[in-house]
């Protein structure tokens, strides 16, 4: 395939867990601003995996496919 590199889009959480997410911040793609209003810039590295699991990253987008 002759690729020069592979980008896995992994970010590390505050507690050292790896998650697959394209961006470094949670603000645009989740409800992080609502759930954690005092945690601006909402960077993945500043949240534990448990905190990130509480976020909504799509239910608002299409309720027909919520599960």
Protein backbone atom coordinates (compact mmCIF):
# COMPACT_ATOMS: atom_id res chain seq x y z
CA UNK A 1 0.00 0.00 0.00
CA UNK A 2 3.08 2.20 0.25
CA UNK A 3 1.72 4.46 3.00
CA UNK A 4 4.21 6.76 4.67
CA UNK A 5 2.39 6.56 8.01
CA UNK A 6 -0.81 5.43 9.69
CA UNK A 7 -2.81 7.80 11.88
CA UNK A 8 -4.83 5.94 14.51
CA UNK A 9 -6.45 9.03 16.03
CA UNK A 10 -5.69 7.98 19.60
CA UNK A 11 -5.67 10.31 22.57
CA UNK A 12 -4.64 9.55 26.15
CA UNK A 13 -6.97 10.37 29.02
CA UNK A 14 -5.93 11.90 32.34
CA UNK A 15 -5.77 8.43 33.89
CA UNK A 16 -3.59 6.99 31.11
CA UNK A 17 -6.23 5.23 29.00
CA UNK A 18 -6.15 5.41 25.20
CA UNK A 19 -9.32 6.32 23.36
CA UNK A 20 -10.02 6.57 19.64
CA UNK A 21 -11.02 10.16 18.93
CA UNK A 22 -9.97 12.38 16.06
CA UNK A 23 -9.69 15.68 17.92
CA UNK A 24 -7.85 16.67 21.10
CA UNK A 25 -10.84 18.46 22.59
CA UNK A 26 -14.33 17.28 23.52
CA UNK A 27 -16.16 20.58 23.09
CA UNK A 28 -17.31 20.34 19.47
CA UNK A 29 -18.31 16.68 19.28
CA UNK A 30 -19.77 16.05 22.75
CA UNK A 31 -21.81 17.74 25.46
CA UNK A 32 -18.68 18.37 27.56
CA UNK A 33 -19.46 22.10 27.88
CA UNK A 34 -22.84 21.30 29.44
CA UNK A 35 -21.69 18.45 31.69
CA UNK A 36 -18.41 20.04 32.78
CA UNK A 37 -18.89 23.81 32.32
CA UNK A 38 -15.89 24.78 34.45
CA UNK A 39 -13.38 22.60 32.60
CA UNK A 40 -12.64 24.75 29.51
CA UNK A 41 -10.69 23.90 27.02
CA UNK A 42 -12.26 20.43 27.40
CA UNK A 43 -9.12 18.58 26.31
CA UNK A 44 -9.20 14.78 26.36
CA UNK A 45 -5.99 14.70 28.43
CA UNK A 46 -7.75 16.60 31.24
CA UNK A 47 -10.55 14.03 31.70
CA UNK A 48 -10.57 10.50 33.06
CA UNK A 49 -12.01 7.68 31.00
CA UNK A 50 -14.97 7.47 33.38
CA UNK A 51 -15.72 11.18 32.86
CA UNK A 52 -15.52 10.78 29.09
CA UNK A 53 -17.85 7.78 29.17
CA UNK A 54 -20.51 10.05 30.71
CA UNK A 55 -20.48 12.33 27.67
CA UNK A 56 -23.01 12.26 24.84
CA UNK A 57 -21.16 12.06 21.55
CA UNK A 58 -24.05 11.58 19.15
CA UNK A 59 -27.46 10.99 20.70
CA UNK A 60 -28.29 14.62 19.96
CA UNK A 61 -27.38 14.01 16.31
CA UNK A 62 -29.71 11.16 15.45
CA UNK A 63 -32.09 9.74 18.03
CA UNK A 64 -33.17 7.02 15.57
CA UNK A 65 -29.79 5.32 16.04
CA UNK A 66 -29.24 6.08 19.72
CA UNK A 67 -28.27 2.51 20.55
